[in-house]
Protein backbone atom coordinates (compact mmCIF):
# COMPACT_ATOMS: atom_id res chain seq x y z
CA MET A 1 277.60 160.63 -74.36
CA ILE A 2 279.39 163.74 -73.13
CA PRO A 3 276.86 166.57 -72.62
CA THR A 4 277.07 169.71 -74.74
CA GLN A 5 277.21 173.07 -72.97
CA ARG A 6 273.60 173.75 -74.00
CA GLN A 7 272.52 170.40 -72.57
CA PHE A 8 274.47 171.03 -69.37
CA ASP A 9 272.83 174.45 -68.97
CA ALA A 10 269.39 172.89 -69.52
CA ILE A 11 270.06 170.35 -66.78
CA ILE A 12 271.29 173.04 -64.41
CA ASP A 13 268.07 174.99 -65.11
CA GLY A 14 266.02 172.02 -63.94
CA ASP A 15 265.20 170.25 -67.21
CA SER A 16 265.64 166.66 -66.02
CA SER A 17 264.78 165.30 -69.49
CA ALA A 18 268.13 166.69 -70.67
CA LEU A 19 269.83 163.94 -68.65
CA ALA A 20 268.71 161.36 -71.21
CA GLY A 21 271.72 159.70 -72.79
CA VAL A 22 274.26 161.36 -70.52
CA ARG A 23 276.74 158.85 -69.13
CA GLY A 24 280.06 158.89 -67.38
CA HIS A 25 281.21 158.82 -63.78
CA HIS A 26 283.59 161.03 -61.84
CA THR A 27 285.88 160.35 -58.92
CA VAL A 28 286.22 162.84 -56.06
CA ALA A 29 289.28 164.38 -57.71
CA MET A 30 287.50 164.72 -61.05
CA MET A 31 284.47 166.32 -59.40
CA ALA A 32 286.72 168.84 -57.68
CA GLY A 33 288.47 169.62 -60.96
CA VAL A 34 285.26 170.11 -62.95
CA LEU A 35 283.62 172.24 -60.25
CA GLU A 36 286.81 174.19 -59.41
CA VAL A 37 286.46 173.55 -55.67
CA PRO A 38 288.89 171.90 -53.25
CA VAL A 39 288.74 168.12 -52.93
CA THR A 40 287.94 168.66 -49.26
CA ALA A 41 284.68 170.41 -50.23
CA ILE A 42 283.53 167.36 -52.20
CA ARG A 43 284.35 165.06 -49.29
CA HIS A 44 282.62 167.42 -46.86
CA TRP A 45 279.44 167.30 -48.94
CA VAL A 46 279.64 163.51 -49.14
CA ARG A 47 279.98 163.22 -45.35
CA GLY A 48 276.96 165.47 -44.90
CA GLY A 49 274.84 163.67 -47.49
CA LEU A 50 274.65 166.66 -49.84
CA LEU A 51 276.42 164.62 -52.51
CA ARG A 52 275.69 160.91 -52.82
CA PRO A 53 278.17 158.60 -54.55
CA THR A 54 276.45 156.64 -57.27
CA HIS A 55 278.53 153.60 -56.39
CA GLN A 56 281.72 152.68 -54.60
CA VAL A 57 284.41 150.33 -55.88
CA ALA A 58 287.45 149.37 -53.79
CA GLY A 59 286.77 152.30 -51.46
CA ILE A 60 286.64 154.81 -54.34
CA ASP A 61 283.53 156.98 -54.61
CA TRP A 62 282.09 157.46 -58.09
CA PHE A 63 279.51 160.09 -59.05
CA ASP A 64 277.24 160.22 -62.07
CA PHE A 65 276.29 163.31 -64.03
CA GLY A 66 273.24 163.97 -61.88
CA GLU A 67 275.51 164.34 -58.83
CA LEU A 68 277.77 166.62 -60.84
CA VAL A 69 274.78 168.89 -61.40
CA VAL A 70 274.08 168.99 -57.65
CA GLY A 71 277.75 169.71 -57.03
CA ARG A 72 277.78 172.56 -59.51
CA ARG A 73 274.85 174.20 -57.75
CA LEU A 74 276.61 173.84 -54.39
CA ALA A 75 279.81 175.26 -55.88
CA ARG A 76 277.91 178.31 -57.11
CA LEU A 77 276.67 178.95 -53.60
CA LEU A 78 280.26 178.79 -52.37
CA ARG A 79 281.15 181.37 -54.98
CA ALA A 80 278.50 183.58 -53.44
CA GLY A 81 280.71 183.70 -50.35
CA PHE A 82 279.26 181.04 -48.03
CA GLY A 83 281.66 178.83 -46.07
CA LEU A 84 281.14 175.07 -45.97
CA ARG A 85 279.81 174.89 -42.42
CA GLU A 86 277.81 178.08 -42.84
CA LEU A 87 276.20 176.68 -45.98
CA ASP A 88 275.30 173.46 -44.15
CA THR A 89 273.57 175.43 -41.41
CA ARG A 90 271.70 177.76 -43.76
CA LEU A 91 270.48 174.99 -46.05
CA ALA A 92 269.36 172.85 -43.09
CA ALA A 93 267.32 175.77 -41.72
CA LEU A 94 265.51 176.22 -45.05
CA HIS A 95 264.40 172.71 -45.86
CA SER A 96 262.38 170.04 -44.07
CA GLY A 97 264.85 167.46 -45.36
CA GLY A 98 267.78 169.27 -43.78
CA ALA A 99 270.88 170.31 -45.73
CA ALA A 100 270.88 167.03 -47.68
CA GLY A 101 267.26 167.60 -48.69
CA ALA A 102 267.98 171.18 -49.72
CA ALA A 103 270.86 169.98 -51.90
CA ARG A 104 268.30 167.97 -53.93
CA ASP A 105 266.10 171.05 -54.25
CA LEU A 106 268.63 173.78 -55.01
CA GLU A 107 266.78 175.08 -58.07
CA ARG A 108 264.33 176.65 -55.59
CA ILE A 109 267.04 178.34 -53.50
CA VAL A 110 267.25 182.12 -53.98
CA VAL A 111 270.34 184.12 -53.00
CA ASP A 112 270.10 187.70 -51.76
CA GLY A 113 273.43 188.95 -50.50
CA ARG A 114 274.10 186.91 -47.36
CA ARG A 115 270.56 185.54 -47.20
CA LEU A 116 269.14 182.32 -48.63
CA SER A 117 265.45 181.75 -49.19
CA LEU A 118 263.33 178.91 -50.53
CA ARG A 119 260.98 179.77 -53.39
CA CYS A 120 257.50 178.26 -52.93
CA GLY A 121 255.39 179.42 -55.87
CA SER A 122 255.33 183.21 -55.65
CA THR A 123 256.42 183.20 -52.00
CA LEU A 124 259.94 183.26 -50.57
CA LEU A 125 260.47 181.48 -47.25
CA GLY A 126 263.42 181.98 -44.94
CA ALA A 127 264.73 179.91 -42.03
CA GLY A 128 261.94 178.22 -40.09
CA GLY A 129 259.42 178.89 -42.86
CA GLN A 130 259.30 182.63 -42.22
CA ARG A 131 257.96 184.58 -45.18
CA GLN A 132 260.54 186.92 -46.70
CA LEU A 133 259.62 190.41 -47.84
CA GLY A 134 261.49 193.34 -49.32
CA PHE A 135 264.62 191.82 -50.80
CA TYR A 136 267.44 194.34 -50.91
CA THR A 137 268.82 193.22 -54.28
CA PRO A 138 267.26 191.73 -57.42
CA ASP A 139 266.32 188.08 -56.95
CA LEU A 140 269.19 185.74 -57.73
CA THR A 141 268.79 181.98 -57.84
CA ALA A 142 271.72 179.75 -57.01
CA GLU A 143 272.23 179.43 -60.78
CA ASP A 144 272.58 183.18 -61.32
CA VAL A 145 275.77 183.60 -59.33
CA PRO A 146 278.38 184.44 -61.97
CA PRO A 147 281.25 181.98 -62.36
CA VAL A 148 284.72 183.18 -61.49
CA ALA A 149 288.15 181.88 -62.38
CA VAL A 150 289.31 181.89 -58.77
CA ILE A 151 286.84 181.09 -56.01
CA PRO A 152 286.79 183.96 -53.49
CA TRP A 153 286.59 181.89 -50.33
CA SER A 154 285.31 184.01 -47.50
CA ALA A 155 284.41 181.38 -44.94
CA PRO A 156 284.77 182.77 -41.42
CA VAL A 157 287.56 180.97 -39.60
CA ASN A 158 287.18 180.38 -35.89
CA HIS A 159 290.75 180.99 -34.76
CA ALA A 160 289.66 180.80 -31.14
CA THR A 161 288.59 177.19 -31.63
CA THR A 162 291.81 176.39 -33.44
CA ASP A 163 293.82 177.94 -30.61
CA VAL A 164 291.99 175.71 -28.13
CA ILE A 165 293.13 172.68 -30.11
CA LEU A 166 296.70 173.91 -30.24
CA ASP A 167 296.72 174.60 -26.51
CA GLY A 168 295.99 170.94 -25.84
CA GLU A 169 292.55 171.36 -24.29
CA ALA A 170 289.69 168.96 -24.96
CA PRO A 171 289.10 169.06 -28.74
CA PRO A 172 285.66 169.38 -30.32
CA ALA A 173 283.81 166.32 -31.61
CA GLU A 174 285.06 164.46 -34.68
CA ALA A 175 282.44 165.90 -37.04
CA GLU A 176 283.24 169.45 -35.90
CA LEU A 177 286.97 168.94 -36.33
CA LEU A 178 286.50 167.51 -39.81
CA ALA A 179 284.25 170.43 -40.76
CA MET A 180 286.72 172.89 -39.25
CA ALA A 181 289.59 171.37 -41.23
CA ALA A 182 287.51 171.57 -44.42
CA ASP A 183 286.65 175.25 -43.87
CA LEU A 184 290.27 176.11 -43.03
CA GLU A 185 291.56 174.34 -46.13
CA ALA A 186 288.92 175.99 -48.31
CA ALA A 187 289.99 179.37 -46.89
CA GLY A 188 293.61 178.60 -47.82
CA GLU A 189 294.73 178.25 -44.20
CA LEU A 190 296.46 174.91 -44.68
CA GLU A 191 298.69 174.82 -41.59
CA PRO A 192 295.77 175.31 -39.15
CA ALA A 193 293.85 172.69 -41.13
CA THR A 194 296.62 170.17 -40.56
CA GLU A 195 296.53 170.96 -36.83
CA ALA A 196 292.80 170.22 -36.74
CA LEU A 197 293.43 166.82 -38.34
CA ARG A 198 296.36 166.09 -36.01
CA ALA A 199 294.11 166.92 -33.05
CA LEU A 200 291.51 164.52 -34.39
CA LEU A 201 294.08 161.74 -34.70
CA GLN A 202 295.34 162.47 -31.20
CA ALA A 203 291.83 162.36 -29.75
CA GLY A 204 290.38 159.49 -31.75
CA GLY A 205 293.39 157.33 -32.44
CA PRO A 206 294.68 155.97 -35.77
CA SER A 207 292.34 156.38 -38.72
CA ALA A 208 293.14 155.61 -42.34
CA ARG A 209 290.64 158.22 -43.55
CA VAL A 210 291.99 161.08 -41.42
CA THR A 211 295.63 160.08 -42.01
CA PHE A 212 294.96 160.14 -45.75
CA MET A 213 293.39 163.59 -45.50
CA LEU A 214 296.43 164.82 -43.57
CA ALA A 215 298.75 163.35 -46.21
CA GLU A 216 296.88 165.28 -48.91
CA LEU A 217 297.15 168.53 -46.95
CA LEU A 218 300.85 168.05 -46.34
CA TYR A 219 301.29 167.45 -50.06
CA ARG A 220 299.52 170.75 -50.81
CA ILE A 221 301.75 172.56 -48.32
CA GLY A 222 304.79 171.14 -50.08
CA ASP A 223 306.08 168.94 -47.24
CA LEU A 224 306.58 165.92 -49.48
CA THR A 225 308.55 163.83 -47.00
CA ALA A 226 305.90 164.18 -44.30
CA SER A 227 303.17 163.55 -46.87
CA ARG A 228 304.89 160.36 -48.02
CA GLU A 229 305.05 159.04 -44.46
CA ARG A 230 301.38 159.80 -43.86
CA TYR A 231 300.40 158.04 -47.06
CA TYR A 232 302.40 155.01 -45.94
CA ALA A 233 300.66 155.16 -42.55
CA ALA A 234 297.21 155.31 -44.17
CA ILE A 235 298.05 152.25 -46.28
CA GLU A 236 299.30 150.38 -43.20
CA LEU A 237 295.96 151.08 -41.53
CA ASP A 238 293.98 150.16 -44.66
CA PRO A 239 295.93 148.18 -47.30
CA ASP A 240 293.01 148.55 -49.73
CA HIS A 241 292.96 152.37 -49.61
CA LEU A 242 293.57 152.91 -53.32
CA GLU A 243 293.39 156.71 -53.15
CA ALA A 244 296.22 156.66 -50.59
CA ARG A 245 298.26 154.34 -52.81
CA THR A 246 297.68 156.66 -55.76
CA GLY A 247 298.69 159.70 -53.73
CA LEU A 248 301.79 157.86 -52.54
CA GLY A 249 302.75 157.16 -56.15
CA CYS A 250 302.50 160.87 -57.00
CA VAL A 251 304.60 161.92 -54.00
CA LEU A 252 307.25 159.28 -54.70
CA ALA A 253 307.50 160.51 -58.28
CA GLU A 254 308.03 164.11 -57.13
CA LEU A 255 310.70 162.90 -54.72
CA GLY A 256 312.49 161.20 -57.62
CA ASP A 257 311.64 157.60 -56.66
CA HIS A 258 310.18 156.78 -60.06
CA GLU A 259 310.47 153.00 -59.80
CA LEU A 260 308.64 152.94 -56.47
CA ALA A 261 306.06 155.39 -57.83
CA GLU A 262 305.39 153.18 -60.85
CA ALA A 263 305.14 150.12 -58.60
CA ALA A 264 302.61 151.88 -56.36
CA LEU A 265 300.37 152.84 -59.27
CA ASP A 266 300.77 149.46 -60.99
CA GLY A 267 299.52 147.91 -57.76
CA VAL A 268 296.49 150.18 -57.78
CA LEU A 269 295.64 149.24 -61.35
CA ARG A 270 296.05 145.53 -60.70
CA GLN A 271 293.39 145.88 -58.01
CA GLN A 272 291.19 148.38 -59.89
CA PRO A 273 291.97 148.46 -63.65
CA ASP A 274 289.24 151.05 -64.32
CA TYR A 275 290.60 153.67 -61.90
CA ALA A 276 291.12 156.47 -64.40
CA ASP A 277 293.03 158.74 -61.99
CA ALA A 278 295.77 156.14 -61.60
CA HIS A 279 296.14 155.79 -65.39
CA TRP A 280 296.48 159.57 -65.67
CA HIS A 281 299.18 159.86 -63.01
CA LEU A 282 301.07 156.80 -64.23
CA ALA A 283 301.14 158.22 -67.77
CA GLY A 284 302.77 161.38 -66.40
CA ILE A 285 305.38 159.39 -64.50
CA LEU A 286 306.22 157.23 -67.52
CA ASP A 287 306.51 160.30 -69.76
CA GLY A 288 308.88 161.81 -67.21
CA VAL A 289 311.30 158.87 -67.49
CA GLY A 290 311.18 158.74 -71.29
CA ARG A 291 308.81 155.78 -71.70
CA ALA A 292 306.50 157.47 -74.16
CA PHE A 293 305.08 154.24 -75.62
CA ASP A 294 303.87 152.97 -72.22
CA ALA A 295 302.63 156.46 -71.27
CA THR A 296 300.58 156.61 -74.48
CA ARG A 297 298.88 153.34 -73.60
CA HIS A 298 297.78 154.70 -70.24
CA LEU A 299 296.67 158.02 -71.74
CA ARG A 300 294.45 156.19 -74.22
CA THR A 301 292.97 154.08 -71.43
CA PHE A 302 292.38 157.21 -69.37
CA VAL A 303 290.49 158.97 -72.18
CA ALA A 304 288.40 155.85 -72.80
CA LEU A 305 287.50 155.61 -69.11
CA ALA A 306 286.96 159.32 -68.39
CA PRO A 307 286.19 161.25 -71.60
CA ASP A 308 284.48 164.05 -69.65
CA SER A 309 287.20 164.38 -67.03
CA PRO A 310 288.73 167.85 -66.53
CA TRP A 311 292.04 166.36 -67.72
CA ALA A 312 290.66 164.61 -70.80
CA ARG A 313 291.33 167.53 -73.16
CA THR A 314 294.97 167.67 -72.07
CA ALA A 315 295.28 163.91 -72.54
CA ILE A 316 293.77 164.12 -76.04
CA GLU A 317 296.16 166.95 -76.96
CA ARG A 318 299.13 164.91 -75.77
CA LEU A 319 297.97 161.92 -77.81
CA ALA A 320 297.50 164.11 -80.89
CA ASP A 321 301.05 165.45 -80.54
CA ARG A 322 302.36 161.88 -80.69
CA GLY A 323 300.75 161.27 -84.08
C-alpha cells in the first residue's frame, strides 16, 4: 500500500503504528528523488550507518519505507543548512550511539539556528550531555524545518584540503576523501569533487565503487565521453556492478548509441528482472527510437515494481496518454 500524505506525516511525527500496511522498497536513486537530495548524500549516509539498506540484491541497495522516514528527517536537517560531514559530527556528539544512533532517534533532535540539541523529557542536552539553556529562537524539531523546492546547500568547503590534493601531497584517508567528495558535490562544486575521487583512486588503486562514483560525477558535469569510459572501467573491475551497467546504458543513449544502450540495460534486466530503475531508463530509450509498444511494456513493469517511486506519476501519465 502506498502511504497517504496524512499517514506519511503521522509516521514522520513518530507514530510507528502508521507503518502498518505500508510496503514498497526504494533504490538509492529513488530515495534521492523522493527526498530531493543528491544521490551522494544517500550513499554517504549508508557508509556512515545513518541509513541501513533493508536488503541487497546483486549489489543494489534497497530501502523500505521506515528507512525513507529516517532519510526524510536527515534531509530536513540538511535543509537547515548543515553539511554532510558537519551533520555527522554534530549528531555523533549528541547521542551515545554516535551519528548512526542519533539517526534512529531524530524525533528527539531540536534545531536552534546552528545548534542541535537532544530533547530528554523537559530538558535539552547539547554535545557531551551539557544542559542547554536560553535558546535564541523558538524551539524547532527536525520536523519543523520548512521544505523548500531547492535545497540551499551551505556546507563549508575546505578548499585548503582540496588544494593539498591537487598539489600532489599525501592525500587524506579514504573515508575523509569520500566525505569531502560528498560535501563538494552537495555544494555544487563538481569539478573539485571529481579531483577528490581521482586522488582516492591514485592513492588506493583501482576500485569499482570509486570509479562508478566518478563516472556519475562526470555525467553530471556533462563530460559524457569520460563518464562512459569510467563506467566501462567500473564494469571491468566488477562485472556484476548493475548500477554501473545501468549508468552506462543511459550515457550510451545520450551519445546516440541506442543499440548498445539497449543491450546494456537488457543485460541488467536478465540478471535482475526486478530492477525498476533499469525498466524506467530502458522505456525512455525505446520511446526515443520509436518503439512505443516495447517501451509501454517496460513502463507497466516499472509502475508495478515501484508504484511509490518519484517517477511513477510520470510513468502513469505516459501510459494513460497511450490509451
